[in-house]
Amino acid sequence: MKLVVAIIQPTKLKAVKSALEKAGVTRMTVCDALGFARQRGQTPLYRGMEYKSQLLRKISLEIAVNNDFVDRTIEIICAAAKTGADGNIGDGKIFVMPMTDAVDLSTDVRGPEAV
């Protein structure tokens, strides 16, 4: 089992969620996130004054998948989350972490069946 954490643009959430649902991924956690990397923030105008915002709004998706579905999940997120044909700086990142156990609280099922 693996935990796939995808940091994506907020405007791409609907497309990523829809693509994952079509592939059979029906469970995920969605969190608002703030971050910065190569985009270096932005300088918006507010009431005629510029101010520097170092943290940009992102969406964090946490998806637990069985080992045989990890690559497919990553491919789907990559295809749906890019903002251009080749992608752009700020489109996001995907992290894959090992999961040692999972427990379904409603049924007490453990392991890959709980995912």
PDB file of N, CA and C in Angstrom:
ATOM      1  N   MET A   1       0.844  -1.185   0.000  1.00  0.00           N
ATOM      2  CA  MET A   1       0.000   0.000   0.000  1.00  0.00           C
ATOM      3  C   MET A   1       0.883   1.239   0.000  1.00  0.00           C
ATOM      4  N   LYS A   2       0.398   2.279  -0.661  1.00  0.00           N
ATOM      5  CA  LYS A   2       1.129   3.539  -0.745  1.00  0.00           C
ATOM      6  C   LYS A   2       0.176   4.694  -0.475  1.00  0.00           C
ATOM      7  N   LEU A   3       0.734   5.775   0.034  1.00  0.00           N
ATOM      8  CA  LEU A   3      -0.005   7.015   0.199  1.00  0.00           C
ATOM      9  C   LEU A   3       0.523   7.986  -0.849  1.00  0.00           C
ATOM     10  N   VAL A   4      -0.342   8.392  -1.761  1.00  0.00           N
ATOM     11  CA  VAL A   4       0.009   9.339  -2.814  1.00  0.00           C
ATOM     12  C   VAL A   4      -0.470  10.711  -2.355  1.00  0.00           C
ATOM     13  N   VAL A   5       0.469  11.645  -2.245  1.00  0.00           N
ATOM     14  CA  VAL A   5       0.138  13.020  -1.868  1.00  0.00           C
ATOM     15  C   VAL A   5       0.427  13.894  -3.079  1.00  0.00           C
ATOM     16  N   ALA A   6      -0.605  14.533  -3.599  1.00  0.00           N
ATOM     17  CA  ALA A   6      -0.463  15.389  -4.782  1.00  0.00           C
ATOM     18  C   ALA A   6      -0.776  16.829  -4.400  1.00  0.00           C
ATOM     19  N   ILE A   7       0.142  17.724  -4.712  1.00  0.00           N
ATOM     20  CA  ILE A   7      -0.065  19.155  -4.497  1.00  0.00           C
ATOM     21  C   ILE A   7      -0.359  19.739  -5.882  1.00  0.00           C
ATOM     22  N   ILE A   8      -1.573  20.292  -6.054  1.00  0.00           N
ATOM     23  CA  ILE A   8      -2.002  20.763  -7.372  1.00  0.00           C
ATOM     24  C   ILE A   8      -2.580  22.168  -7.291  1.00  0.00           C
ATOM     25  N   GLN A   9      -2.791  22.774  -8.459  1.00  0.00           N
ATOM     26  CA  GLN A   9      -3.444  24.076  -8.548  1.00  0.00           C
ATOM     27  C   GLN A   9      -4.922  23.923  -8.156  1.00  0.00           C
ATOM     28  N   PRO A  10      -5.491  24.887  -7.429  1.00  0.00           N
ATOM     29  CA  PRO A  10      -6.908  24.802  -7.055  1.00  0.00           C
ATOM     30  C   PRO A  10      -7.838  24.710  -8.261  1.00  0.00           C
ATOM     31  N   THR A  11      -7.462  25.318  -9.375  1.00  0.00           N
ATOM     32  CA  THR A  11      -8.311  25.299 -10.563  1.00  0.00           C
ATOM     33  C   THR A  11      -8.363  23.918 -11.222  1.00  0.00           C
ATOM     34  N   LYS A  12      -7.461  23.033 -10.851  1.00  0.00           N
ATOM     35  CA  LYS A  12      -7.404  21.701 -11.446  1.00  0.00           C
ATOM     36  C   LYS A  12      -8.072  20.627 -10.594  1.00  0.00           C
ATOM     37  N   LEU A  13      -8.592  20.994  -9.438  1.00  0.00           N
ATOM     38  CA  LEU A  13      -9.194  20.006  -8.540  1.00  0.00           C
ATOM     39  C   LEU A  13     -10.337  19.247  -9.196  1.00  0.00           C
ATOM     40  N   LYS A  14     -11.247  19.950  -9.836  1.00  0.00           N
ATOM     41  CA  LYS A  14     -12.404  19.304 -10.450  1.00  0.00           C
ATOM     42  C   LYS A  14     -11.982  18.312 -11.531  1.00  0.00           C
ATOM     43  N   ALA A  15     -11.022  18.690 -12.363  1.00  0.00           N
ATOM     44  CA  ALA A  15     -10.554  17.809 -13.443  1.00  0.00           C
ATOM     45  C   ALA A  15      -9.848  16.574 -12.884  1.00  0.00           C
ATOM     46  N   VAL A  16      -9.008  16.757 -11.870  1.00  0.00           N
ATOM     47  CA  VAL A  16      -8.288  15.633 -11.275  1.00  0.00           C
ATOM     48  C   VAL A  16      -9.262  14.692 -10.585  1.00  0.00           C
ATOM     49  N   LYS A  17     -10.186  15.249  -9.820  1.00  0.00           N
ATOM     50  CA  LYS A  17     -11.175  14.429  -9.106  1.00  0.00           C
ATOM     51  C   LYS A  17     -12.021  13.617 -10.083  1.00  0.00           C
ATOM     52  N   SER A  18     -12.464  14.254 -11.148  1.00  0.00           N
ATOM     53  CA  SER A  18     -13.272  13.576 -12.156  1.00  0.00           C
ATOM     54  C   SER A  18     -12.489  12.450 -12.836  1.00  0.00           C
ATOM     55  N   ALA A  19     -11.238  12.709 -13.198  1.00  0.00           N
ATOM     56  CA  ALA A  19     -10.411  11.692 -13.854  1.00  0.00           C
ATOM     57  C   ALA A  19     -10.150  10.511 -12.918  1.00  0.00           C
ATOM     58  N   LEU A  20      -9.908  10.784 -11.655  1.00  0.00           N
ATOM     59  CA  LEU A  20      -9.676   9.704 -10.690  1.00  0.00           C
ATOM     60  C   LEU A  20     -10.940   8.873 -10.472  1.00  0.00           C
ATOM     61  N   GLU A  21     -12.090   9.538 -10.415  1.00  0.00           N
ATOM     62  CA  GLU A  21     -13.359   8.807 -10.250  1.00  0.00           C
ATOM     63  C   GLU A  21     -13.605   7.868 -11.424  1.00  0.00           C
ATOM     64  N   LYS A  22     -13.319   8.322 -12.643  1.00  0.00           N
ATOM     65  CA  LYS A  22     -13.494   7.473 -13.829  1.00  0.00           C
ATOM     66  C   LYS A  22     -12.597   6.244 -13.780  1.00  0.00           C
ATOM     67  N   ALA A  23     -11.438   6.368 -13.129  1.00  0.00           N
ATOM     68  CA  ALA A  23     -10.494   5.251 -13.034  1.00  0.00           C
ATOM     69  C   ALA A  23     -10.772   4.344 -11.843  1.00  0.00           C
ATOM     70  N   GLY A  24     -11.749   4.716 -11.019  1.00  0.00           N
ATOM     71  CA  GLY A  24     -12.109   3.863  -9.892  1.00  0.00           C
ATOM     72  C   GLY A  24     -11.585   4.307  -8.546  1.00  0.00           C
ATOM     73  N   VAL A  25     -10.925   5.457  -8.488  1.00  0.00           N
ATOM     74  CA  VAL A  25     -10.482   5.992  -7.199  1.00  0.00           C
ATOM     75  C   VAL A  25     -11.640   6.788  -6.615  1.00  0.00           C
ATOM     76  N   THR A  26     -12.225   6.274  -5.563  1.00  0.00           N
ATOM     77  CA  THR A  26     -13.419   6.906  -4.997  1.00  0.00           C
ATOM     78  C   THR A  26     -13.184   7.480  -3.607  1.00  0.00           C
ATOM     79  N   ARG A  27     -11.972   7.327  -3.093  1.00  0.00           N
ATOM     80  CA  ARG A  27     -11.682   7.827  -1.747  1.00  0.00           C
ATOM     81  C   ARG A  27     -10.423   8.676  -1.781  1.00  0.00           C
ATOM     82  N   MET A  28     -10.548   9.899  -1.289  1.00  0.00           N
ATOM     83  CA  MET A  28      -9.382  10.771  -1.172  1.00  0.00           C
ATOM     84  C   MET A  28      -9.680  11.845  -0.147  1.00  0.00           C
ATOM     85  N   THR A  29      -8.651  12.420   0.386  1.00  0.00           N
ATOM     86  CA  THR A  29      -8.771  13.549   1.294  1.00  0.00           C
ATOM     87  C   THR A  29      -8.275  14.781   0.552  1.00  0.00           C
ATOM     88  N   VAL A  30      -9.043  15.862   0.629  1.00  0.00           N
ATOM     89  CA  VAL A  30      -8.691  17.106  -0.052  1.00  0.00           C
ATOM     90  C   VAL A  30      -8.492  18.178   1.016  1.00  0.00           C
ATOM     91  N   CYS A  31      -7.336  18.845   0.980  1.00  0.00           N
ATOM     92  CA  CYS A  31      -7.007  19.884   1.960  1.00  0.00           C
ATOM     93  C   CYS A  31      -6.544  21.141   1.241  1.00  0.00           C
ATOM     94  N   ASP A  32      -6.892  22.294   1.791  1.00  0.00           N
ATOM     95  CA  ASP A  32      -6.319  23.548   1.309  1.00  0.00           C
ATOM     96  C   ASP A  32      -4.888  23.625   1.813  1.00  0.00           C
ATOM     97  N   ALA A  33      -4.006  24.155   1.001  1.00  0.00           N
ATOM     98  CA  ALA A  33      -2.603  24.277   1.389  1.00  0.00           C
ATOM     99  C   ALA A  33      -2.049  25.604   0.880  1.00  0.00           C
ATOM    100  N   LEU A  34      -1.012  26.081   1.546  1.00  0.00           N
ATOM    101  CA  LEU A  34      -0.279  27.253   1.102  1.00  0.00           C
ATOM    102  C   LEU A  34       1.168  26.854   0.921  1.00  0.00           C
ATOM    103  N   GLY A  35       1.810  27.369  -0.115  1.00  0.00           N
ATOM    104  CA  GLY A  35       3.204  27.023  -0.319  1.00  0.00           C
ATOM    105  C   GLY A  35       3.854  27.903  -1.357  1.00  0.00           C
ATOM    106  N   PHE A  36       5.166  27.744  -1.477  1.00  0.00           N
ATOM    107  CA  PHE A  36       5.892  28.442  -2.522  1.00  0.00           C
ATOM    108  C   PHE A  36       7.111  27.623  -2.904  1.00  0.00           C
ATOM    109  N   ALA A  37       7.533  27.816  -4.120  1.00  0.00           N
ATOM    110  CA  ALA A  37       8.722  27.146  -4.635  1.00  0.00           C
ATOM    111  C   ALA A  37       9.297  28.054  -5.718  1.00  0.00           C
ATOM    112  N   ARG A  38       9.385  27.550  -6.935  1.00  0.00           N
ATOM    113  CA  ARG A  38       9.976  28.348  -8.009  1.00  0.00           C
ATOM    114  C   ARG A  38       9.101  29.508  -8.446  1.00  0.00           C
ATOM    115  N   GLN A  39       7.817  29.509  -8.093  1.00  0.00           N
ATOM    116  CA  GLN A  39       6.941  30.616  -8.485  1.00  0.00           C
ATOM    117  C   GLN A  39       7.286  31.891  -7.730  1.00  0.00           C
ATOM    118  N   ARG A  40       7.861  31.773  -6.571  1.00  0.00           N
ATOM    119  CA  ARG A  40       8.304  32.896  -5.747  1.00  0.00           C
ATOM    120  C   ARG A  40       7.168  33.833  -5.327  1.00  0.00           C
ATOM    121  N   GLY A  41       5.985  33.325  -5.167  1.00  0.00           N
ATOM    122  CA  GLY A  41       4.878  34.165  -4.722  1.00  0.00           C
ATOM    123  C   GLY A  41       4.348  35.048  -5.829  1.00  0.00           C
ATOM    124  N   GLN A  42       3.552  36.031  -5.455  1.00  0.00           N
ATOM    125  CA  GLN A  42       2.990  36.953  -6.426  1.00  0.00           C
ATOM    126  C   GLN A  42       2.845  38.318  -5.788  1.00  0.00           C
ATOM    127  N   THR A  43       2.626  39.347  -6.610  1.00  0.00           N
ATOM    128  CA  THR A  43       2.480  40.710  -6.119  1.00  0.00           C
ATOM    129  C   THR A  43       1.132  41.255  -6.580  1.00  0.00           C
ATOM    130  N   PRO A  44       0.051  40.950  -5.845  1.00  0.00           N
ATOM    131  CA  PRO A  44      -1.269  41.448  -6.248  1.00  0.00           C
ATOM    132  C   PRO A  44      -1.509  42.884  -5.770  1.00  0.00           C
ATOM    133  N   LEU A  45      -2.523  43.501  -6.348  1.00  0.00           N
ATOM    134  CA  LEU A  45      -2.954  44.835  -5.935  1.00  0.00           C
ATOM    135  C   LEU A  45      -4.158  44.708  -5.005  1.00  0.00           C
ATOM    136  N   TYR A  46      -4.158  45.486  -3.930  1.00  0.00           N
ATOM    137  CA  TYR A  46      -5.302  45.539  -3.026  1.00  0.00           C
ATOM    138  C   TYR A  46      -5.538  46.997  -2.683  1.00  0.00           C
ATOM    139  N   ARG A  47      -6.684  47.531  -3.109  1.00  0.00           N
ATOM    140  CA  ARG A  47      -7.042  48.927  -2.892  1.00  0.00           C
ATOM    141  C   ARG A  47      -5.941  49.874  -3.383  1.00  0.00           C
ATOM    142  N   GLY A  48      -5.406  49.550  -4.545  1.00  0.00           N
ATOM    143  CA  GLY A  48      -4.407  50.421  -5.155  1.00  0.00           C
ATOM    144  C   GLY A  48      -2.995  50.244  -4.644  1.00  0.00           C
ATOM    145  N   MET A  49      -2.788  49.379  -3.670  1.00  0.00           N
ATOM    146  CA  MET A  49      -1.456  49.155  -3.098  1.00  0.00           C
ATOM    147  C   MET A  49      -0.980  47.757  -3.464  1.00  0.00           C
ATOM    148  N   GLU A  50       0.292  47.667  -3.815  1.00  0.00           N
ATOM    149  CA  GLU A  50       0.871  46.355  -4.087  1.00  0.00           C
ATOM    150  C   GLU A  50       1.338  45.739  -2.773  1.00  0.00           C
ATOM    151  N   TYR A  51       1.144  44.445  -2.661  1.00  0.00           N
ATOM    152  CA  TYR A  51       1.721  43.750  -1.511  1.00  0.00           C
ATOM    153  C   TYR A  51       2.250  42.399  -1.974  1.00  0.00           C
ATOM    154  N   LYS A  52       3.320  41.959  -1.343  1.00  0.00           N
ATOM    155  CA  LYS A  52       4.001  40.718  -1.729  1.00  0.00           C
ATOM    156  C   LYS A  52       3.400  39.565  -0.938  1.00  0.00           C
ATOM    157  N   SER A  53       2.926  38.567  -1.655  1.00  0.00           N
ATOM    158  CA  SER A  53       2.388  37.367  -1.047  1.00  0.00           C
ATOM    159  C   SER A  53       3.334  36.225  -1.385  1.00  0.00           C
ATOM    160  N   GLN A  54       4.044  35.719  -0.395  1.00  0.00           N
ATOM    161  CA  GLN A  54       5.023  34.667  -0.640  1.00  0.00           C
ATOM    162  C   GLN A  54       4.373  33.291  -0.719  1.00  0.00           C
ATOM    163  N   LEU A  55       3.217  33.119  -0.116  1.00  0.00           N
ATOM    164  CA  LEU A  55       2.554  31.824  -0.112  1.00  0.00           C
ATOM    165  C   LEU A  55       1.404  31.823  -1.107  1.00  0.00           C
ATOM    166  N   LEU A  56       1.387  30.816  -1.956  1.00  0.00           N
ATOM    167  CA  LEU A  56       0.332  30.685  -2.959  1.00  0.00           C
ATOM    168  C   LEU A  56      -0.609  29.563  -2.555  1.00  0.00           C
ATOM    169  N   ARG A  57      -1.880  29.717  -2.901  1.00  0.00           N
ATOM    170  CA  ARG A  57      -2.879  28.712  -2.570  1.00  0.00           C
ATOM    171  C   ARG A  57      -2.705  27.489  -3.457  1.00  0.00           C
ATOM    172  N   LYS A  58      -2.725  26.337  -2.848  1.00  0.00           N
ATOM    173  CA  LYS A  58      -2.647  25.050  -3.535  1.00  0.00           C
ATOM    174  C   LYS A  58      -3.678  24.119  -2.914  1.00  0.00           C
ATOM    175  N   ILE A  59      -3.864  22.967  -3.520  1.00  0.00           N
ATOM    176  CA  ILE A  59      -4.728  21.916  -2.988  1.00  0.00           C
ATOM    177  C   ILE A  59      -3.857  20.687  -2.778  1.00  0.00           C
ATOM    178  N   SER A  60      -4.019  20.050  -1.631  1.00  0.00           N
ATOM    179  CA  SER A  60      -3.290  18.823  -1.324  1.00  0.00           C
ATOM    180  C   SER A  60      -4.275  17.660  -1.340  1.00  0.00           C
ATOM    181  N   LEU A  61      -3.984  16.659  -2.163  1.00  0.00           N
ATOM    182  CA  LEU A  61      -4.797  15.447  -2.229  1.00  0.00           C
ATOM    183  C   LEU A  61      -4.029  14.318  -1.571  1.00  0.00           C
ATOM    184  N   GLU A  62      -4.667  13.583  -0.695  1.00  0.00           N
ATOM    185  CA  GLU A  62      -4.066  12.402  -0.083  1.00  0.00           C
ATOM    186  C   GLU A  62      -4.894  11.201  -0.510  1.00  0.00           C
ATOM    187  N   ILE A  63      -4.237  10.262  -1.185  1.00  0.00           N
ATOM    188  CA  ILE A  63      -4.944   9.116  -1.747  1.00  0.00           C
ATOM    189  C   ILE A  63      -4.203   7.847  -1.357  1.00  0.00           C
ATOM    190  N   ALA A  64      -4.875   6.959  -0.638  1.00  0.00           N
ATOM    191  CA  ALA A  64      -4.290   5.664  -0.281  1.00  0.00           C
ATOM    192  C   ALA A  64      -4.659   4.668  -1.379  1.00  0.00           C
ATOM    193  N   VAL A  65      -3.634   4.014  -1.947  1.00  0.00           N
ATOM    194  CA  VAL A  65      -3.875   3.051  -3.022  1.00  0.00           C
ATOM    195  C   VAL A  65      -3.076   1.783  -2.775  1.00  0.00           C
ATOM    196  N   ASN A  66      -3.552   0.692  -3.353  1.00  0.00           N
ATOM    197  CA  ASN A  66      -2.811  -0.559  -3.295  1.00  0.00           C
ATOM    198  C   ASN A  66      -1.658  -0.487  -4.299  1.00  0.00           C
ATOM    199  N   ASN A  67      -0.634  -1.295  -4.073  1.00  0.00           N
ATOM    200  CA  ASN A  67       0.592  -1.230  -4.875  1.00  0.00           C
ATOM    201  C   ASN A  67       0.348  -1.349  -6.377  1.00  0.00           C
ATOM    202  N   ASP A  68      -0.613  -2.150  -6.786  1.00  0.00           N
ATOM    203  CA  ASP A  68      -0.855  -2.355  -8.215  1.00  0.00           C
ATOM    204  C   ASP A  68      -1.528  -1.159  -8.884  1.00  0.00           C
ATOM    205  N   PHE A  69      -1.972  -0.168  -8.122  1.00  0.00           N
ATOM    206  CA  PHE A  69      -2.683   0.978  -8.692  1.00  0.00           C
ATOM    207  C   PHE A  69      -1.895   2.277  -8.556  1.00  0.00           C
ATOM    208  N   VAL A  70      -0.686   2.224  -7.999  1.00  0.00           N
ATOM    209  CA  VAL A  70       0.106   3.437  -7.763  1.00  0.00           C
ATOM    210  C   VAL A  70       0.456   4.146  -9.066  1.00  0.00           C
ATOM    211  N   ASP A  71       1.046   3.427 -10.015  1.00  0.00           N
ATOM    212  CA  ASP A  71       1.469   4.052 -11.270  1.00  0.00           C
ATOM    213  C   ASP A  71       0.290   4.646 -12.031  1.00  0.00           C
ATOM    214  N   ARG A  72      -0.818   3.938 -12.068  1.00  0.00           N
ATOM    215  CA  ARG A  72      -2.016   4.423 -12.771  1.00  0.00           C
ATOM    216  C   ARG A  72      -2.526   5.721 -12.124  1.00  0.00           C
ATOM    217  N   THR A  73      -2.541   5.770 -10.804  1.00  0.00           N
ATOM    218  CA  THR A  73      -2.999   6.963 -10.086  1.00  0.00           C
ATOM    219  C   THR A  73      -2.103   8.154 -10.411  1.00  0.00           C
ATOM    220  N   ILE A  74      -0.796   7.946 -10.417  1.00  0.00           N
ATOM    221  CA  ILE A  74       0.148   9.017 -10.733  1.00  0.00           C
ATOM    222  C   ILE A  74      -0.045   9.505 -12.170  1.00  0.00           C
ATOM    223  N   GLU A  75      -0.212   8.589 -13.117  1.00  0.00           N
ATOM    224  CA  GLU A  75      -0.428   8.970 -14.519  1.00  0.00           C
ATOM    225  C   GLU A  75      -1.682   9.817 -14.672  1.00  0.00           C
ATOM    226  N   ILE A  76      -2.746   9.427 -13.988  1.00  0.00           N
ATOM    227  CA  ILE A  76      -4.011  10.159 -14.083  1.00  0.00           C
ATOM    228  C   ILE A  76      -3.865  11.566 -13.531  1.00  0.00           C
ATOM    229  N   ILE A  77      -3.225  11.700 -12.375  1.00  0.00           N
ATOM    230  CA  ILE A  77      -3.031  13.022 -11.771  1.00  0.00           C
ATOM    231  C   ILE A  77      -2.168  13.886 -12.673  1.00  0.00           C
ATOM    232  N   CYS A  78      -1.081  13.327 -13.188  1.00  0.00           N
ATOM    233  CA  CYS A  78      -0.196  14.095 -14.087  1.00  0.00           C
ATOM    234  C   CYS A  78      -0.945  14.604 -15.314  1.00  0.00           C
ATOM    235  N   ALA A  79      -1.738  13.759 -15.912  1.00  0.00           N
ATOM    236  CA  ALA A  79      -2.471  14.149 -17.124  1.00  0.00           C
ATOM    237  C   ALA A  79      -3.515  15.220 -16.836  1.00  0.00           C
ATOM    238  N   ALA A  80      -4.205  15.113 -15.709  1.00  0.00           N
ATOM    239  CA  ALA A  80      -5.308  16.035 -15.422  1.00  0.00           C
ATOM    240  C   ALA A  80      -4.865  17.328 -14.753  1.00  0.00           C
ATOM    241  N   ALA A  81      -3.715  17.341 -14.095  1.00  0.00           N
ATOM    242  CA  ALA A  81      -3.313  18.514 -13.308  1.00  0.00           C
ATOM    243  C   ALA A  81      -2.452  19.514 -14.074  1.00  0.00           C
ATOM    244  N   LYS A  82      -1.943  19.142 -15.233  1.00  0.00           N
ATOM    245  CA  LYS A  82      -1.097  20.075 -15.990  1.00  0.00           C
ATOM    246  C   LYS A  82      -1.930  21.223 -16.537  1.00  0.00           C
ATOM    247  N   THR A  83      -1.349  22.440 -16.502  1.00  0.00           N
ATOM    248  CA  THR A  83      -2.079  23.609 -16.980  1.00  0.00           C
ATOM    249  C   THR A  83      -1.838  23.889 -18.456  1.00  0.00           C
ATOM    250  N   GLY A  84      -0.883  23.221 -19.065  1.00  0.00           N
ATOM    251  CA  GLY A  84      -0.622  23.364 -20.490  1.00  0.00           C
ATOM    252  C   GLY A  84      -0.275  22.007 -21.063  1.00  0.00           C
ATOM    253  N   ALA A  85      -0.027  21.953 -22.336  1.00  0.00           N
ATOM    254  CA  ALA A  85       0.308  20.674 -22.972  1.00  0.00           C
ATOM    255  C   ALA A  85       1.565  20.058 -22.366  1.00  0.00           C
ATOM    256  N   ASP A  86       2.553  20.900 -22.069  1.00  0.00           N
ATOM    257  CA  ASP A  86       3.807  20.415 -21.499  1.00  0.00           C
ATOM    258  C   ASP A  86       3.907  20.686 -20.001  1.00  0.00           C
ATOM    259  N   GLY A  87       2.904  21.329 -19.420  1.00  0.00           N
ATOM    260  CA  GLY A  87       2.959  21.697 -18.011  1.00  0.00           C
ATOM    261  C   GLY A  87       3.693  23.014 -17.822  1.00  0.00           C
ATOM    262  N   ASN A  88       3.508  23.618 -16.660  1.00  0.00           N
ATOM    263  CA  ASN A  88       4.127  24.902 -16.344  1.00  0.00           C
ATOM    264  C   ASN A  88       4.651  24.883 -14.921  1.00  0.00           C
ATOM    265  N   ILE A  89       5.540  25.802 -14.614  1.00  0.00           N
ATOM    266  CA  ILE A  89       6.012  25.953 -13.236  1.00  0.00           C
ATOM    267  C   ILE A  89       4.798  26.257 -12.368  1.00  0.00           C
ATOM    268  N   GLY A  90       4.710  25.589 -11.245  1.00  0.00           N
ATOM    269  CA  GLY A  90       3.599  25.816 -10.324  1.00  0.00           C
ATOM    270  C   GLY A  90       2.467  24.828 -10.479  1.00  0.00           C
ATOM    271  N   ASP A  91       2.568  23.884 -11.419  1.00  0.00           N
ATOM    272  CA  ASP A  91       1.506  22.891 -11.586  1.00  0.00           C
ATOM    273  C   ASP A  91       1.405  21.960 -10.386  1.00  0.00           C
ATOM    274  N   GLY A  92       2.515  21.723  -9.708  1.00  0.00           N
ATOM    275  CA  GLY A  92       2.452  20.918  -8.498  1.00  0.00           C
ATOM    276  C   GLY A  92       3.484  19.812  -8.445  1.00  0.00           C
ATOM    277  N   LYS A  93       3.328  18.961  -7.444  1.00  0.00           N
ATOM    278  CA  LYS A  93       4.231  17.832  -7.215  1.00  0.00           C
ATOM    279  C   LYS A  93       3.401  16.649  -6.726  1.00  0.00           C
ATOM    280  N   ILE A  94       3.990  15.454  -6.889  1.00  0.00           N
ATOM    281  CA  ILE A  94       3.374  14.233  -6.365  1.00  0.00           C
ATOM    282  C   ILE A  94       4.423  13.517  -5.527  1.00  0.00           C
ATOM    283  N   PHE A  95       4.038  13.128  -4.339  1.00  0.00           N
ATOM    284  CA  PHE A  95       4.913  12.375  -3.447  1.00  0.00           C
ATOM    285  C   PHE A  95       4.268  11.026  -3.173  1.00  0.00           C
ATOM    286  N   VAL A  96       5.073   9.966  -3.162  1.00  0.00           N
ATOM    287  CA  VAL A  96       4.573   8.621  -2.895  1.00  0.00           C
ATOM    288  C   VAL A  96       5.295   8.096  -1.662  1.00  0.00           C
ATOM    289  N   MET A  97       4.512   7.692  -0.651  1.00  0.00           N
ATOM    290  CA  MET A  97       5.072   7.215   0.604  1.00  0.00           C
ATOM    291  C   MET A  97       4.547   5.826   0.926  1.00  0.00           C
ATOM    292  N   PRO A  98       5.379   5.002   1.539  1.00  0.00           N
ATOM    293  CA  PRO A  98       4.897   3.670   1.925  1.00  0.00           C
ATOM    294  C   PRO A  98       3.891   3.768   3.069  1.00  0.00           C
ATOM    295  N   MET A  99       2.916   2.893   3.047  1.00  0.00           N
ATOM    296  CA  MET A  99       1.926   2.786   4.125  1.00  0.00           C
ATOM    297  C   MET A  99       2.040   1.390   4.723  1.00  0.00           C
ATOM    298  N   THR A 100       2.255   1.308   5.997  1.00  0.00           N
ATOM    299  CA  THR A 100       2.435  -0.001   6.607  1.00  0.00           C
ATOM    300  C   THR A 100       1.121  -0.675   6.964  1.00  0.00           C
ATOM    301  N   ASP A 101       0.079   0.110   7.210  1.00  0.00           N
ATOM    302  CA  ASP A 101      -1.205  -0.486   7.584  1.00  0.00           C
ATOM    303  C   ASP A 101      -2.327   0.502   7.331  1.00  0.00           C
ATOM    304  N   ALA A 102      -3.517  -0.023   7.195  1.00  0.00           N
ATOM    305  CA  ALA A 102      -4.722   0.791   7.063  1.00  0.00           C
ATOM    306  C   ALA A 102      -5.843   0.072   7.813  1.00  0.00           C
ATOM    307  N   VAL A 103      -6.720   0.834   8.436  1.00  0.00           N
ATOM    308  CA  VAL A 103      -7.837   0.262   9.186  1.00  0.00           C
ATOM    309  C   VAL A 103      -9.107   0.992   8.799  1.00  0.00           C
ATOM    310  N   ASP A 104     -10.135   0.250   8.400  1.00  0.00           N
ATOM    311  CA  ASP A 104     -11.450   0.818   8.124  1.00  0.00           C
ATOM    312  C   ASP A 104     -12.196   0.859   9.450  1.00  0.00           C
ATOM    313  N   LEU A 105     -12.464   2.049   9.957  1.00  0.00           N
ATOM    314  CA  LEU A 105     -13.070   2.187  11.275  1.00  0.00           C
ATOM    315  C   LEU A 105     -14.477   1.620  11.364  1.00  0.00           C
ATOM    316  N   SER A 106     -15.211   1.626  10.266  1.00  0.00           N
ATOM    317  CA  SER A 106     -16.596   1.148  10.328  1.00  0.00           C
ATOM    318  C   SER A 106     -16.695  -0.369  10.357  1.00  0.00           C
ATOM    319  N   THR A 107     -15.715  -1.067   9.770  1.00  0.00           N
ATOM    320  CA  THR A 107     -15.783  -2.521   9.705  1.00  0.00           C
ATOM    321  C   THR A 107     -14.634  -3.240  10.404  1.00  0.00           C
ATOM    322  N   ASP A 108     -13.654  -2.488  10.876  1.00  0.00           N
ATOM    323  CA  ASP A 108     -12.435  -3.028  11.515  1.00  0.00           C
ATOM    324  C   ASP A 108     -11.595  -3.890  10.574  1.00  0.00           C
ATOM    325  N   VAL A 109     -11.783  -3.733   9.272  1.00  0.00           N
ATOM    326  CA  VAL A 109     -10.959  -4.441   8.293  1.00  0.00           C
ATOM    327  C   VAL A 109      -9.598  -3.782   8.259  1.00  0.00           C
ATOM    328  N   ARG A 110      -8.536  -4.582   8.202  1.00  0.00           N
ATOM    329  CA  ARG A 110      -7.157  -4.062   8.175  1.00  0.00           C
ATOM    330  C   ARG A 110      -6.454  -4.463   6.892  1.00  0.00           C
ATOM    331  N   GLY A 111      -5.432  -3.694   6.557  1.00  0.00           N
ATOM    332  CA  GLY A 111      -4.587  -4.025   5.415  1.00  0.00           C
ATOM    333  C   GLY A 111      -5.117  -3.490   4.097  1.00  0.00           C
ATOM    334  N   PRO A 112      -4.688  -4.108   2.985  1.00  0.00           N
ATOM    335  CA  PRO A 112      -5.074  -3.622   1.656  1.00  0.00           C
ATOM    336  C   PRO A 112      -6.584  -3.592   1.417  1.00  0.00           C
ATOM    337  N   GLU A 113      -7.312  -4.471   2.077  1.00  0.00           N
ATOM    338  CA  GLU A 113      -8.786  -4.474   1.904  1.00  0.00           C
ATOM    339  C   GLU A 113      -9.417  -3.220   2.485  1.00  0.00           C
ATOM    340  N   ALA A 114      -8.762  -2.550   3.425  1.00  0.00           N
ATOM    341  CA  ALA A 114      -9.293  -1.342   4.030  1.00  0.00           C
ATOM    342  C   ALA A 114      -9.141  -0.136   3.117  1.00  0.00           C
ATOM    343  N   VAL A 115      -8.248  -0.240   2.149  1.00  0.00           N
ATOM    344  CA  VAL A 115      -8.012   0.870   1.222  1.00  0.00           C
ATOM    345  C   VAL A 115      -9.096   0.845   0.176  1.00  0.00           C
TER     346      VAL A 115
END
